[in-house]
Amino acid sequence: MSNQIQTNKAPAAIGPYSQAVVVGNLIFTSGQIPLHPETGILEGNNITEQTHRVCKNLEAVLIASGSSPAKAIKTTCFLSDMADFAAFNEVYAQYFTEKPARSCVAVKDLPKGALVEVEVIAEKE
């Protein structure tokens, strides 16, 4: 049995999905893009600003789920341009200090024209 998570401290889902689902002791977040939680508008004009917003959104979803970025097991990261890889890593490392397993791929496009999207699997605290 799963429990759907919804917090107003992260942007509402822009489609038919949950911000996260808790199954047992695991949390599976949906991918977060850099939307401002209150306005739903894309925040940031560069990879650094957008990565900070994505990580803040993920942190809010994880906290609402009973976890935190420190309990992340695996992340999957999507970049619209692999040339942003180093700048993305610099910000990402500030939030995911325990260095979870990770995949990072470049994709053709992301929703709303975002430069970055990240999803997380984490343990509950």
PDB file of N, CA and C in Angstrom:
ATOM      1  N   MET A   1       0.841  -1.186   0.000  1.00  0.00           N
ATOM      2  CA  MET A   1       0.000   0.000   0.000  1.00  0.00           C
ATOM      3  C   MET A   1       0.883   1.245   0.000  1.00  0.00           C
ATOM      4  N   SER A   2       0.486   2.264  -0.754  1.00  0.00           N
ATOM      5  CA  SER A   2       1.270   3.486  -0.842  1.00  0.00           C
ATOM      6  C   SER A   2       0.490   4.676  -0.304  1.00  0.00           C
ATOM      7  N   ASN A   3       1.237   5.709   0.047  1.00  0.00           N
ATOM      8  CA  ASN A   3       0.678   6.942   0.573  1.00  0.00           C
ATOM      9  C   ASN A   3       1.147   8.083  -0.315  1.00  0.00           C
ATOM     10  N   GLN A   4       0.222   8.820  -0.909  1.00  0.00           N
ATOM     11  CA  GLN A   4       0.583   9.939  -1.762  1.00  0.00           C
ATOM     12  C   GLN A   4       0.907  11.165  -0.910  1.00  0.00           C
ATOM     13  N   ILE A   5       1.930  11.913  -1.339  1.00  0.00           N
ATOM     14  CA  ILE A   5       2.383  13.094  -0.615  1.00  0.00           C
ATOM     15  C   ILE A   5       2.040  14.348  -1.405  1.00  0.00           C
ATOM     16  N   GLN A   6       1.574  15.369  -0.695  1.00  0.00           N
ATOM     17  CA  GLN A   6       1.279  16.669  -1.292  1.00  0.00           C
ATOM     18  C   GLN A   6       1.668  17.739  -0.279  1.00  0.00           C
ATOM     19  N   THR A   7       2.518  18.676  -0.685  1.00  0.00           N
ATOM     20  CA  THR A   7       2.871  19.814   0.153  1.00  0.00           C
ATOM     21  C   THR A   7       2.792  21.093  -0.671  1.00  0.00           C
ATOM     22  N   ASN A   8       2.328  22.174  -0.047  1.00  0.00           N
ATOM     23  CA  ASN A   8       2.287  23.460  -0.747  1.00  0.00           C
ATOM     24  C   ASN A   8       3.644  24.167  -0.691  1.00  0.00           C
ATOM     25  N   LYS A   9       4.649  23.528  -0.088  1.00  0.00           N
ATOM     26  CA  LYS A   9       6.000  24.095  -0.034  1.00  0.00           C
ATOM     27  C   LYS A   9       6.818  23.709  -1.266  1.00  0.00           C
ATOM     28  N   ALA A  10       6.202  22.957  -2.153  1.00  0.00           N
ATOM     29  CA  ALA A  10       6.777  22.606  -3.451  1.00  0.00           C
ATOM     30  C   ALA A  10       5.676  22.839  -4.482  1.00  0.00           C
ATOM     31  N   PRO A  11       6.042  23.038  -5.741  1.00  0.00           N
ATOM     32  CA  PRO A  11       5.010  23.290  -6.746  1.00  0.00           C
ATOM     33  C   PRO A  11       4.062  22.106  -6.906  1.00  0.00           C
ATOM     34  N   ALA A  12       2.817  22.426  -7.181  1.00  0.00           N
ATOM     35  CA  ALA A  12       1.820  21.386  -7.433  1.00  0.00           C
ATOM     36  C   ALA A  12       2.198  20.621  -8.697  1.00  0.00           C
ATOM     37  N   ALA A  13       1.798  19.378  -8.755  1.00  0.00           N
ATOM     38  CA  ALA A  13       2.038  18.564  -9.951  1.00  0.00           C
ATOM     39  C   ALA A  13       1.387  19.241 -11.157  1.00  0.00           C
ATOM     40  N   ILE A  14       2.067  19.203 -12.298  1.00  0.00           N
ATOM     41  CA  ILE A  14       1.517  19.824 -13.511  1.00  0.00           C
ATOM     42  C   ILE A  14       0.874  18.779 -14.417  1.00  0.00           C
ATOM     43  N   GLY A  15       0.608  17.611 -13.853  1.00  0.00           N
ATOM     44  CA  GLY A  15      -0.030  16.531 -14.593  1.00  0.00           C
ATOM     45  C   GLY A  15      -0.677  15.564 -13.619  1.00  0.00           C
ATOM     46  N   PRO A  16      -1.129  14.427 -14.108  1.00  0.00           N
ATOM     47  CA  PRO A  16      -1.822  13.444 -13.263  1.00  0.00           C
ATOM     48  C   PRO A  16      -0.845  12.556 -12.489  1.00  0.00           C
ATOM     49  N   TYR A  17      -0.152  13.152 -11.525  1.00  0.00           N
ATOM     50  CA  TYR A  17       0.801  12.410 -10.699  1.00  0.00           C
ATOM     51  C   TYR A  17       0.934  13.082  -9.337  1.00  0.00           C
ATOM     52  N   SER A  18       1.570  12.396  -8.405  1.00  0.00           N
ATOM     53  CA  SER A  18       1.796  12.902  -7.055  1.00  0.00           C
ATOM     54  C   SER A  18       3.190  13.503  -6.951  1.00  0.00           C
ATOM     55  N   GLN A  19       3.383  14.409  -5.999  1.00  0.00           N
ATOM     56  CA  GLN A  19       4.720  14.943  -5.752  1.00  0.00           C
ATOM     57  C   GLN A  19       5.652  13.826  -5.284  1.00  0.00           C
ATOM     58  N   ALA A  20       5.093  12.899  -4.518  1.00  0.00           N
ATOM     59  CA  ALA A  20       5.855  11.739  -4.051  1.00  0.00           C
ATOM     60  C   ALA A  20       4.887  10.667  -3.601  1.00  0.00           C
ATOM     61  N   VAL A  21       5.413   9.448  -3.514  1.00  0.00           N
ATOM     62  CA  VAL A  21       4.660   8.316  -2.998  1.00  0.00           C
ATOM     63  C   VAL A  21       5.554   7.603  -1.994  1.00  0.00           C
ATOM     64  N   VAL A  22       4.970   7.278  -0.836  1.00  0.00           N
ATOM     65  CA  VAL A  22       5.689   6.531   0.189  1.00  0.00           C
ATOM     66  C   VAL A  22       5.196   5.088   0.150  1.00  0.00           C
ATOM     67  N   VAL A  23       6.143   4.164   0.029  1.00  0.00           N
ATOM     68  CA  VAL A  23       5.841   2.737   0.048  1.00  0.00           C
ATOM     69  C   VAL A  23       6.745   2.119   1.106  1.00  0.00           C
ATOM     70  N   GLY A  24       6.144   1.650   2.190  1.00  0.00           N
ATOM     71  CA  GLY A  24       6.944   1.111   3.286  1.00  0.00           C
ATOM     72  C   GLY A  24       7.859   2.183   3.835  1.00  0.00           C
ATOM     73  N   ASN A  25       9.159   1.922   3.814  1.00  0.00           N
ATOM     74  CA  ASN A  25      10.150   2.855   4.340  1.00  0.00           C
ATOM     75  C   ASN A  25      10.815   3.681   3.228  1.00  0.00           C
ATOM     76  N   LEU A  26      10.294   3.568   1.993  1.00  0.00           N
ATOM     77  CA  LEU A  26      10.901   4.265   0.863  1.00  0.00           C
ATOM     78  C   LEU A  26      10.006   5.375   0.326  1.00  0.00           C
ATOM     79  N   ILE A  27      10.642   6.439  -0.109  1.00  0.00           N
ATOM     80  CA  ILE A  27       9.960   7.578  -0.719  1.00  0.00           C
ATOM     81  C   ILE A  27      10.443   7.695  -2.157  1.00  0.00           C
ATOM     82  N   PHE A  28       9.496   7.796  -3.067  1.00  0.00           N
ATOM     83  CA  PHE A  28       9.788   7.967  -4.486  1.00  0.00           C
ATOM     84  C   PHE A  28       9.224   9.324  -4.894  1.00  0.00           C
ATOM     85  N   THR A  29      10.098  10.288  -5.180  1.00  0.00           N
ATOM     86  CA  THR A  29       9.590  11.591  -5.610  1.00  0.00           C
ATOM     87  C   THR A  29       9.387  11.587  -7.115  1.00  0.00           C
ATOM     88  N   SER A  30       8.453  12.399  -7.550  1.00  0.00           N
ATOM     89  CA  SER A  30       8.351  12.686  -8.973  1.00  0.00           C
ATOM     90  C   SER A  30       9.468  13.658  -9.301  1.00  0.00           C
ATOM     91  N   GLY A  31       9.796  13.755 -10.570  1.00  0.00           N
ATOM     92  CA  GLY A  31      10.813  14.717 -10.976  1.00  0.00           C
ATOM     93  C   GLY A  31      10.369  16.130 -10.647  1.00  0.00           C
ATOM     94  N   GLN A  32      11.278  16.905 -10.115  1.00  0.00           N
ATOM     95  CA  GLN A  32      11.011  18.308  -9.819  1.00  0.00           C
ATOM     96  C   GLN A  32      11.754  19.177 -10.821  1.00  0.00           C
ATOM     97  N   ILE A  33      11.038  20.151 -11.367  1.00  0.00           N
ATOM     98  CA  ILE A  33      11.650  21.161 -12.206  1.00  0.00           C
ATOM     99  C   ILE A  33      11.632  22.469 -11.412  1.00  0.00           C
ATOM    100  N   PRO A  34      12.326  23.501 -11.878  1.00  0.00           N
ATOM    101  CA  PRO A  34      12.479  24.709 -11.080  1.00  0.00           C
ATOM    102  C   PRO A  34      11.272  25.656 -11.111  1.00  0.00           C
ATOM    103  N   LEU A  35      10.137  25.145 -10.674  1.00  0.00           N
ATOM    104  CA  LEU A  35       8.949  25.993 -10.556  1.00  0.00           C
ATOM    105  C   LEU A  35       8.880  26.548  -9.143  1.00  0.00           C
ATOM    106  N   HIS A  36       8.513  27.810  -9.032  1.00  0.00           N
ATOM    107  CA  HIS A  36       8.335  28.415  -7.709  1.00  0.00           C
ATOM    108  C   HIS A  36       7.100  27.792  -7.072  1.00  0.00           C
ATOM    109  N   PRO A  37       7.181  27.408  -5.789  1.00  0.00           N
ATOM    110  CA  PRO A  37       6.059  26.722  -5.145  1.00  0.00           C
ATOM    111  C   PRO A  37       4.757  27.518  -5.106  1.00  0.00           C
ATOM    112  N   GLU A  38       4.853  28.831  -4.963  1.00  0.00           N
ATOM    113  CA  GLU A  38       3.633  29.642  -4.839  1.00  0.00           C
ATOM    114  C   GLU A  38       3.050  30.048  -6.180  1.00  0.00           C
ATOM    115  N   THR A  39       3.911  30.367  -7.135  1.00  0.00           N
ATOM    116  CA  THR A  39       3.414  30.891  -8.411  1.00  0.00           C
ATOM    117  C   THR A  39       3.322  29.838  -9.500  1.00  0.00           C
ATOM    118  N   GLY A  40       4.101  28.759  -9.373  1.00  0.00           N
ATOM    119  CA  GLY A  40       4.132  27.756 -10.430  1.00  0.00           C
ATOM    120  C   GLY A  40       4.860  28.228 -11.671  1.00  0.00           C
ATOM    121  N   ILE A  41       5.588  29.339 -11.541  1.00  0.00           N
ATOM    122  CA  ILE A  41       6.327  29.906 -12.672  1.00  0.00           C
ATOM    123  C   ILE A  41       7.780  29.453 -12.603  1.00  0.00           C
ATOM    124  N   LEU A  42       8.367  29.177 -13.768  1.00  0.00           N
ATOM    125  CA  LEU A  42       9.765  28.779 -13.858  1.00  0.00           C
ATOM    126  C   LEU A  42      10.635  29.830 -13.174  1.00  0.00           C
ATOM    127  N   GLU A  43      11.534  29.378 -12.301  1.00  0.00           N
ATOM    128  CA  GLU A  43      12.393  30.283 -11.542  1.00  0.00           C
ATOM    129  C   GLU A  43      13.853  30.086 -11.939  1.00  0.00           C
ATOM    130  N   GLY A  44      14.521  31.161 -12.252  1.00  0.00           N
ATOM    131  CA  GLY A  44      15.939  31.108 -12.588  1.00  0.00           C
ATOM    132  C   GLY A  44      16.172  31.134 -14.080  1.00  0.00           C
ATOM    133  N   ASN A  45      17.256  31.831 -14.454  1.00  0.00           N
ATOM    134  CA  ASN A  45      17.587  31.969 -15.871  1.00  0.00           C
ATOM    135  C   ASN A  45      18.798  31.150 -16.280  1.00  0.00           C
ATOM    136  N   ASN A  46      19.414  30.472 -15.299  1.00  0.00           N
ATOM    137  CA  ASN A  46      20.605  29.687 -15.618  1.00  0.00           C
ATOM    138  C   ASN A  46      20.592  28.399 -14.806  1.00  0.00           C
ATOM    139  N   ILE A  47      21.514  27.512 -15.106  1.00  0.00           N
ATOM    140  CA  ILE A  47      21.523  26.192 -14.465  1.00  0.00           C
ATOM    141  C   ILE A  47      21.743  26.289 -12.961  1.00  0.00           C
ATOM    142  N   THR A  48      22.551  27.229 -12.502  1.00  0.00           N
ATOM    143  CA  THR A  48      22.809  27.375 -11.075  1.00  0.00           C
ATOM    144  C   THR A  48      21.535  27.752 -10.325  1.00  0.00           C
ATOM    145  N   GLU A  49      20.855  28.785 -10.777  1.00  0.00           N
ATOM    146  CA  GLU A  49      19.612  29.224 -10.131  1.00  0.00           C
ATOM    147  C   GLU A  49      18.548  28.132 -10.194  1.00  0.00           C
ATOM    148  N   GLN A  50      18.414  27.502 -11.353  1.00  0.00           N
ATOM    149  CA  GLN A  50      17.384  26.479 -11.504  1.00  0.00           C
ATOM    150  C   GLN A  50      17.683  25.242 -10.660  1.00  0.00           C
ATOM    151  N   THR A  51      18.944  24.870 -10.536  1.00  0.00           N
ATOM    152  CA  THR A  51      19.290  23.711  -9.708  1.00  0.00           C
ATOM    153  C   THR A  51      19.003  23.985  -8.240  1.00  0.00           C
ATOM    154  N   HIS A  52      19.286  25.193  -7.762  1.00  0.00           N
ATOM    155  CA  HIS A  52      18.940  25.546  -6.382  1.00  0.00           C
ATOM    156  C   HIS A  52      17.434  25.386  -6.163  1.00  0.00           C
ATOM    157  N   ARG A  53      16.615  25.880  -7.086  1.00  0.00           N
ATOM    158  CA  ARG A  53      15.154  25.788  -6.915  1.00  0.00           C
ATOM    159  C   ARG A  53      14.711  24.332  -6.925  1.00  0.00           C
ATOM    160  N   VAL A  54      15.244  23.529  -7.843  1.00  0.00           N
ATOM    161  CA  VAL A  54      14.883  22.109  -7.906  1.00  0.00           C
ATOM    162  C   VAL A  54      15.228  21.423  -6.584  1.00  0.00           C
ATOM    163  N   CYS A  55      16.415  21.672  -6.063  1.00  0.00           N
ATOM    164  CA  CYS A  55      16.836  21.026  -4.814  1.00  0.00           C
ATOM    165  C   CYS A  55      15.991  21.487  -3.628  1.00  0.00           C
ATOM    166  N   LYS A  56      15.611  22.763  -3.599  1.00  0.00           N
ATOM    167  CA  LYS A  56      14.728  23.259  -2.537  1.00  0.00           C
ATOM    168  C   LYS A  56      13.352  22.601  -2.640  1.00  0.00           C
ATOM    169  N   ASN A  57      12.852  22.446  -3.865  1.00  0.00           N
ATOM    170  CA  ASN A  57      11.564  21.771  -4.057  1.00  0.00           C
ATOM    171  C   ASN A  57      11.637  20.319  -3.592  1.00  0.00           C
ATOM    172  N   LEU A  58      12.711  19.634  -3.965  1.00  0.00           N
ATOM    173  CA  LEU A  58      12.872  18.238  -3.534  1.00  0.00           C
ATOM    174  C   LEU A  58      12.985  18.137  -2.023  1.00  0.00           C
ATOM    175  N   GLU A  59      13.726  19.044  -1.420  1.00  0.00           N
ATOM    176  CA  GLU A  59      13.861  19.042   0.034  1.00  0.00           C
ATOM    177  C   GLU A  59      12.493  19.187   0.698  1.00  0.00           C
ATOM    178  N   ALA A  60      11.647  20.079   0.189  1.00  0.00           N
ATOM    179  CA  ALA A  60      10.308  20.276   0.743  1.00  0.00           C
ATOM    180  C   ALA A  60       9.460  19.009   0.608  1.00  0.00           C
ATOM    181  N   VAL A  61       9.529  18.351  -0.534  1.00  0.00           N
ATOM    182  CA  VAL A  61       8.770  17.117  -0.749  1.00  0.00           C
ATOM    183  C   VAL A  61       9.287  16.014   0.182  1.00  0.00           C
ATOM    184  N   LEU A  62      10.597  15.897   0.296  1.00  0.00           N
ATOM    185  CA  LEU A  62      11.171  14.868   1.172  1.00  0.00           C
ATOM    186  C   LEU A  62      10.804  15.116   2.631  1.00  0.00           C
ATOM    187  N   ILE A  63      10.862  16.355   3.088  1.00  0.00           N
ATOM    188  CA  ILE A  63      10.477  16.672   4.472  1.00  0.00           C
ATOM    189  C   ILE A  63       9.008  16.332   4.700  1.00  0.00           C
ATOM    190  N   ALA A  64       8.155  16.694   3.751  1.00  0.00           N
ATOM    191  CA  ALA A  64       6.725  16.367   3.873  1.00  0.00           C
ATOM    192  C   ALA A  64       6.495  14.861   3.892  1.00  0.00           C
ATOM    193  N   SER A  65       7.432  14.107   3.344  1.00  0.00           N
ATOM    194  CA  SER A  65       7.338  12.648   3.292  1.00  0.00           C
ATOM    195  C   SER A  65       7.968  11.972   4.498  1.00  0.00           C
ATOM    196  N   GLY A  66       8.589  12.762   5.381  1.00  0.00           N
ATOM    197  CA  GLY A  66       9.241  12.189   6.555  1.00  0.00           C
ATOM    198  C   GLY A  66      10.691  11.837   6.320  1.00  0.00           C
ATOM    199  N   SER A  67      11.348  12.583   5.431  1.00  0.00           N
ATOM    200  CA  SER A  67      12.740  12.298   5.109  1.00  0.00           C
ATOM    201  C   SER A  67      13.503  13.602   4.890  1.00  0.00           C
ATOM    202  N   SER A  68      14.636  13.510   4.206  1.00  0.00           N
ATOM    203  CA  SER A  68      15.458  14.671   3.885  1.00  0.00           C
ATOM    204  C   SER A  68      16.441  14.275   2.785  1.00  0.00           C
ATOM    205  N   PRO A  69      17.101  15.246   2.173  1.00  0.00           N
ATOM    206  CA  PRO A  69      18.110  14.902   1.156  1.00  0.00           C
ATOM    207  C   PRO A  69      19.222  14.007   1.712  1.00  0.00           C
ATOM    208  N   ALA A  70      19.515  14.102   2.994  1.00  0.00           N
ATOM    209  CA  ALA A  70      20.563  13.265   3.602  1.00  0.00           C
ATOM    210  C   ALA A  70      20.197  11.781   3.574  1.00  0.00           C
ATOM    211  N   LYS A  71      18.928  11.466   3.417  1.00  0.00           N
ATOM    212  CA  LYS A  71      18.469  10.076   3.385  1.00  0.00           C
ATOM    213  C   LYS A  71      18.247   9.567   1.959  1.00  0.00           C
ATOM    214  N   ALA A  72      18.674  10.358   0.964  1.00  0.00           N
ATOM    215  CA  ALA A  72      18.525   9.944  -0.431  1.00  0.00           C
ATOM    216  C   ALA A  72      19.380   8.715  -0.705  1.00  0.00           C
ATOM    217  N   ILE A  73      18.814   7.768  -1.426  1.00  0.00           N
ATOM    218  CA  ILE A  73      19.503   6.546  -1.828  1.00  0.00           C
ATOM    219  C   ILE A  73      19.962   6.656  -3.280  1.00  0.00           C
ATOM    220  N   LYS A  74      19.085   7.225  -4.127  1.00  0.00           N
ATOM    221  CA  LYS A  74      19.339   7.278  -5.572  1.00  0.00           C
ATOM    222  C   LYS A  74      18.672   8.515  -6.135  1.00  0.00           C
ATOM    223  N   THR A  75      19.376   9.224  -6.998  1.00  0.00           N
ATOM    224  CA  THR A  75      18.776  10.326  -7.736  1.00  0.00           C
ATOM    225  C   THR A  75      18.928  10.065  -9.226  1.00  0.00           C
ATOM    226  N   THR A  76      17.991  10.591  -9.978  1.00  0.00           N
ATOM    227  CA  THR A  76      18.081  10.583 -11.423  1.00  0.00           C
ATOM    228  C   THR A  76      17.957  12.038 -11.861  1.00  0.00           C
ATOM    229  N   CYS A  77      18.947  12.495 -12.617  1.00  0.00           N
ATOM    230  CA  CYS A  77      19.051  13.899 -12.987  1.00  0.00           C
ATOM    231  C   CYS A  77      18.992  14.033 -14.502  1.00  0.00           C
ATOM    232  N   PHE A  78      18.227  15.006 -14.940  1.00  0.00           N
ATOM    233  CA  PHE A  78      18.054  15.262 -16.362  1.00  0.00           C
ATOM    234  C   PHE A  78      18.494  16.693 -16.650  1.00  0.00           C
ATOM    235  N   LEU A  79      19.402  16.862 -17.575  1.00  0.00           N
ATOM    236  CA  LEU A  79      19.880  18.178 -17.981  1.00  0.00           C
ATOM    237  C   LEU A  79      19.514  18.417 -19.441  1.00  0.00           C
ATOM    238  N   SER A  80      19.131  19.635 -19.763  1.00  0.00           N
ATOM    239  CA  SER A  80      18.831  19.935 -21.164  1.00  0.00           C
ATOM    240  C   SER A  80      20.109  20.154 -21.967  1.00  0.00           C
ATOM    241  N   ASP A  81      21.238  20.351 -21.267  1.00  0.00           N
ATOM    242  CA  ASP A  81      22.521  20.557 -21.947  1.00  0.00           C
ATOM    243  C   ASP A  81      23.633  20.009 -21.057  1.00  0.00           C
ATOM    244  N   MET A  82      24.340  18.997 -21.532  1.00  0.00           N
ATOM    245  CA  MET A  82      25.403  18.383 -20.735  1.00  0.00           C
ATOM    246  C   MET A  82      26.562  19.352 -20.485  1.00  0.00           C
ATOM    247  N   ALA A  83      26.613  20.445 -21.208  1.00  0.00           N
ATOM    248  CA  ALA A  83      27.625  21.477 -20.940  1.00  0.00           C
ATOM    249  C   ALA A  83      27.399  22.106 -19.550  1.00  0.00           C
ATOM    250  N   ASP A  84      26.202  21.935 -18.980  1.00  0.00           N
ATOM    251  CA  ASP A  84      25.880  22.453 -17.650  1.00  0.00           C
ATOM    252  C   ASP A  84      26.269  21.496 -16.530  1.00  0.00           C
ATOM    253  N   PHE A  85      26.868  20.357 -16.867  1.00  0.00           N
ATOM    254  CA  PHE A  85      27.154  19.296 -15.897  1.00  0.00           C
ATOM    255  C   PHE A  85      27.970  19.794 -14.692  1.00  0.00           C
ATOM    256  N   ALA A  86      29.052  20.513 -14.917  1.00  0.00           N
ATOM    257  CA  ALA A  86      29.909  20.975 -13.812  1.00  0.00           C
ATOM    258  C   ALA A  86      29.175  21.963 -12.913  1.00  0.00           C
ATOM    259  N   ALA A  87      28.476  22.920 -13.491  1.00  0.00           N
ATOM    260  CA  ALA A  87      27.730  23.902 -12.691  1.00  0.00           C
ATOM    261  C   ALA A  87      26.605  23.215 -11.919  1.00  0.00           C
ATOM    262  N   PHE A  88      25.938  22.258 -12.543  1.00  0.00           N
ATOM    263  CA  PHE A  88      24.895  21.490 -11.864  1.00  0.00           C
ATOM    264  C   PHE A  88      25.487  20.748 -10.665  1.00  0.00           C
ATOM    265  N   ASN A  89      26.606  20.063 -10.872  1.00  0.00           N
ATOM    266  CA  ASN A  89      27.238  19.301  -9.788  1.00  0.00           C
ATOM    267  C   ASN A  89      27.611  20.178  -8.609  1.00  0.00           C
ATOM    268  N   GLU A  90      28.064  21.380  -8.877  1.00  0.00           N
ATOM    269  CA  GLU A  90      28.469  22.287  -7.812  1.00  0.00           C
ATOM    270  C   GLU A  90      27.303  22.594  -6.866  1.00  0.00           C
ATOM    271  N   VAL A  91      26.136  22.838  -7.423  1.00  0.00           N
ATOM    272  CA  VAL A  91      24.957  23.121  -6.597  1.00  0.00           C
ATOM    273  C   VAL A  91      24.410  21.834  -5.985  1.00  0.00           C
ATOM    274  N   TYR A  92      24.266  20.798  -6.779  1.00  0.00           N
ATOM    275  CA  TYR A  92      23.739  19.501  -6.320  1.00  0.00           C
ATOM    276  C   TYR A  92      24.491  19.013  -5.080  1.00  0.00           C
ATOM    277  N   ALA A  93      25.816  19.148  -5.075  1.00  0.00           N
ATOM    278  CA  ALA A  93      26.648  18.669  -3.961  1.00  0.00           C
ATOM    279  C   ALA A  93      26.348  19.395  -2.656  1.00  0.00           C
ATOM    280  N   GLN A  94      25.806  20.584  -2.711  1.00  0.00           N
ATOM    281  CA  GLN A  94      25.446  21.332  -1.505  1.00  0.00           C
ATOM    282  C   GLN A  94      24.223  20.732  -0.810  1.00  0.00           C
ATOM    283  N   TYR A  95      23.376  20.061  -1.555  1.00  0.00           N
ATOM    284  CA  TYR A  95      22.131  19.504  -1.016  1.00  0.00           C
ATOM    285  C   TYR A  95      22.233  18.003  -0.734  1.00  0.00           C
ATOM    286  N   PHE A  96      22.905  17.278  -1.606  1.00  0.00           N
ATOM    287  CA  PHE A  96      23.010  15.823  -1.477  1.00  0.00           C
ATOM    288  C   PHE A  96      24.408  15.473  -0.962  1.00  0.00           C
ATOM    289  N   THR A  97      24.633  15.830   0.298  1.00  0.00           N
ATOM    290  CA  THR A  97      25.956  15.725   0.914  1.00  0.00           C
ATOM    291  C   THR A  97      26.379  14.290   1.197  1.00  0.00           C
ATOM    292  N   GLU A  98      25.436  13.357   1.254  1.00  0.00           N
ATOM    293  CA  GLU A  98      25.756  11.955   1.538  1.00  0.00           C
ATOM    294  C   GLU A  98      26.094  11.172   0.273  1.00  0.00           C
ATOM    295  N   LYS A  99      26.090  11.844  -0.859  1.00  0.00           N
ATOM    296  CA  LYS A  99      26.472  11.258  -2.154  1.00  0.00           C
ATOM    297  C   LYS A  99      25.712   9.972  -2.491  1.00  0.00           C
ATOM    298  N   PRO A 100      24.385  10.092  -2.710  1.00  0.00           N
ATOM    299  CA  PRO A 100      23.621   8.900  -3.109  1.00  0.00           C
ATOM    300  C   PRO A 100      24.041   8.424  -4.497  1.00  0.00           C
ATOM    301  N   ALA A 101      23.644   7.207  -4.839  1.00  0.00           N
ATOM    302  CA  ALA A 101      23.847   6.722  -6.211  1.00  0.00           C
ATOM    303  C   ALA A 101      23.108   7.691  -7.139  1.00  0.00           C
ATOM    304  N   ARG A 102      23.601   7.821  -8.370  1.00  0.00           N
ATOM    305  CA  ARG A 102      23.008   8.822  -9.254  1.00  0.00           C
ATOM    306  C   ARG A 102      23.198   8.456 -10.708  1.00  0.00           C
ATOM    307  N   SER A 103      22.206   8.805 -11.505  1.00  0.00           N
ATOM    308  CA  SER A 103      22.317   8.806 -12.960  1.00  0.00           C
ATOM    309  C   SER A 103      22.100  10.249 -13.398  1.00  0.00           C
ATOM    310  N   CYS A 104      22.812  10.676 -14.428  1.00  0.00           N
ATOM    311  CA  CYS A 104      22.637  12.029 -14.956  1.00  0.00           C
ATOM    312  C   CYS A 104      22.719  11.936 -16.476  1.00  0.00           C
ATOM    313  N   VAL A 105      21.658  12.362 -17.129  1.00  0.00           N
ATOM    314  CA  VAL A 105      21.602  12.265 -18.584  1.00  0.00           C
ATOM    315  C   VAL A 105      21.149  13.590 -19.186  1.00  0.00           C
ATOM    316  N   ALA A 106      21.538  13.804 -20.422  1.00  0.00           N
ATOM    317  CA  ALA A 106      21.041  14.948 -21.177  1.00  0.00           C
ATOM    318  C   ALA A 106      19.798  14.506 -21.943  1.00  0.00           C
ATOM    319  N   VAL A 107      18.825  15.386 -21.988  1.00  0.00           N
ATOM    320  CA  VAL A 107      17.574  15.102 -22.693  1.00  0.00           C
ATOM    321  C   VAL A 107      17.298  16.239 -23.672  1.00  0.00           C
ATOM    322  N   LYS A 108      16.464  15.958 -24.639  1.00  0.00           N
ATOM    323  CA  LYS A 108      16.176  16.957 -25.670  1.00  0.00           C
ATOM    324  C   LYS A 108      15.431  18.156 -25.093  1.00  0.00           C
ATOM    325  N   ASP A 109      14.392  17.902 -24.328  1.00  0.00           N
ATOM    326  CA  ASP A 109      13.564  18.966 -23.747  1.00  0.00           C
ATOM    327  C   ASP A 109      13.059  18.535 -22.386  1.00  0.00           C
ATOM    328  N   LEU A 110      12.768  19.525 -21.549  1.00  0.00           N
ATOM    329  CA  LEU A 110      12.136  19.295 -20.248  1.00  0.00           C
ATOM    330  C   LEU A 110      10.865  20.138 -20.173  1.00  0.00           C
ATOM    331  N   PRO A 111       9.905  19.756 -19.332  1.00  0.00           N
ATOM    332  CA  PRO A 111       8.668  20.522 -19.225  1.00  0.00           C
ATOM    333  C   PRO A 111       8.919  22.000 -18.923  1.00  0.00           C
ATOM    334  N   LYS A 112       8.100  22.855 -19.512  1.00  0.00           N
ATOM    335  CA  LYS A 112       8.118  24.301 -19.271  1.00  0.00           C
ATOM    336  C   LYS A 112       9.431  24.966 -19.678  1.00  0.00           C
ATOM    337  N   GLY A 113      10.269  24.283 -20.452  1.00  0.00           N
ATOM    338  CA  GLY A 113      11.532  24.854 -20.875  1.00  0.00           C
ATOM    339  C   GLY A 113      12.608  24.843 -19.802  1.00  0.00           C
ATOM    340  N   ALA A 114      12.434  24.017 -18.775  1.00  0.00           N
ATOM    341  CA  ALA A 114      13.410  23.929 -17.682  1.00  0.00           C
ATOM    342  C   ALA A 114      14.747  23.424 -18.203  1.00  0.00           C
ATOM    343  N   LEU A 115      15.804  23.792 -17.490  1.00  0.00           N
ATOM    344  CA  LEU A 115      17.155  23.329 -17.817  1.00  0.00           C
ATOM    345  C   LEU A 115      17.526  22.067 -17.063  1.00  0.00           C
ATOM    346  N   VAL A 116      16.780  21.756 -15.980  1.00  0.00           N
ATOM    347  CA  VAL A 116      17.132  20.636 -15.106  1.00  0.00           C
ATOM    348  C   VAL A 116      15.866  20.047 -14.476  1.00  0.00           C
ATOM    349  N   GLU A 117      15.912  18.736 -14.245  1.00  0.00           N
ATOM    350  CA  GLU A 117      14.873  18.018 -13.501  1.00  0.00           C
ATOM    351  C   GLU A 117      15.585  16.931 -12.698  1.00  0.00           C
ATOM    352  N   VAL A 118      15.129  16.722 -11.466  1.00  0.00           N
ATOM    353  CA  VAL A 118      15.724  15.697 -10.608  1.00  0.00           C
ATOM    354  C   VAL A 118      14.622  14.951  -9.883  1.00  0.00           C
ATOM    355  N   GLU A 119      14.769  13.618  -9.791  1.00  0.00           N
ATOM    356  CA  GLU A 119      13.883  12.786  -8.979  1.00  0.00           C
ATOM    357  C   GLU A 119      14.726  12.010  -7.979  1.00  0.00           C
ATOM    358  N   VAL A 120      14.098  11.610  -6.878  1.00  0.00           N
ATOM    359  CA  VAL A 120      14.836  11.011  -5.763  1.00  0.00           C
ATOM    360  C   VAL A 120      14.110   9.775  -5.233  1.00  0.00           C
ATOM    361  N   ILE A 121      14.888   8.793  -4.839  1.00  0.00           N
ATOM    362  CA  ILE A 121      14.405   7.699  -4.000  1.00  0.00           C
ATOM    363  C   ILE A 121      15.140   7.864  -2.673  1.00  0.00           C
ATOM    364  N   ALA A 122      14.382   7.901  -1.581  1.00  0.00           N
ATOM    365  CA  ALA A 122      14.979   8.127  -0.266  1.00  0.00           C
ATOM    366  C   ALA A 122      14.354   7.213   0.772  1.00  0.00           C
ATOM    367  N   GLU A 123      15.048   7.046   1.885  1.00  0.00           N
ATOM    368  CA  GLU A 123      14.513   6.328   3.043  1.00  0.00           C
ATOM    369  C   GLU A 123      13.814   7.327   3.956  1.00  0.00           C
ATOM    370  N   LYS A 124      12.816   6.846   4.686  1.00  0.00           N
ATOM    371  CA  LYS A 124      12.217   7.684   5.717  1.00  0.00           C
ATOM    372  C   LYS A 124      13.193   7.840   6.857  1.00  0.00           C
ATOM    373  N   GLU A 125      13.109   8.944   7.567  1.00  0.00           N
ATOM    374  CA  GLU A 125      14.003   9.196   8.718  1.00  0.00           C
ATOM    375  C   GLU A 125      13.724   8.197   9.812  1.00  0.00           C
TER     376      GLU A 125
END
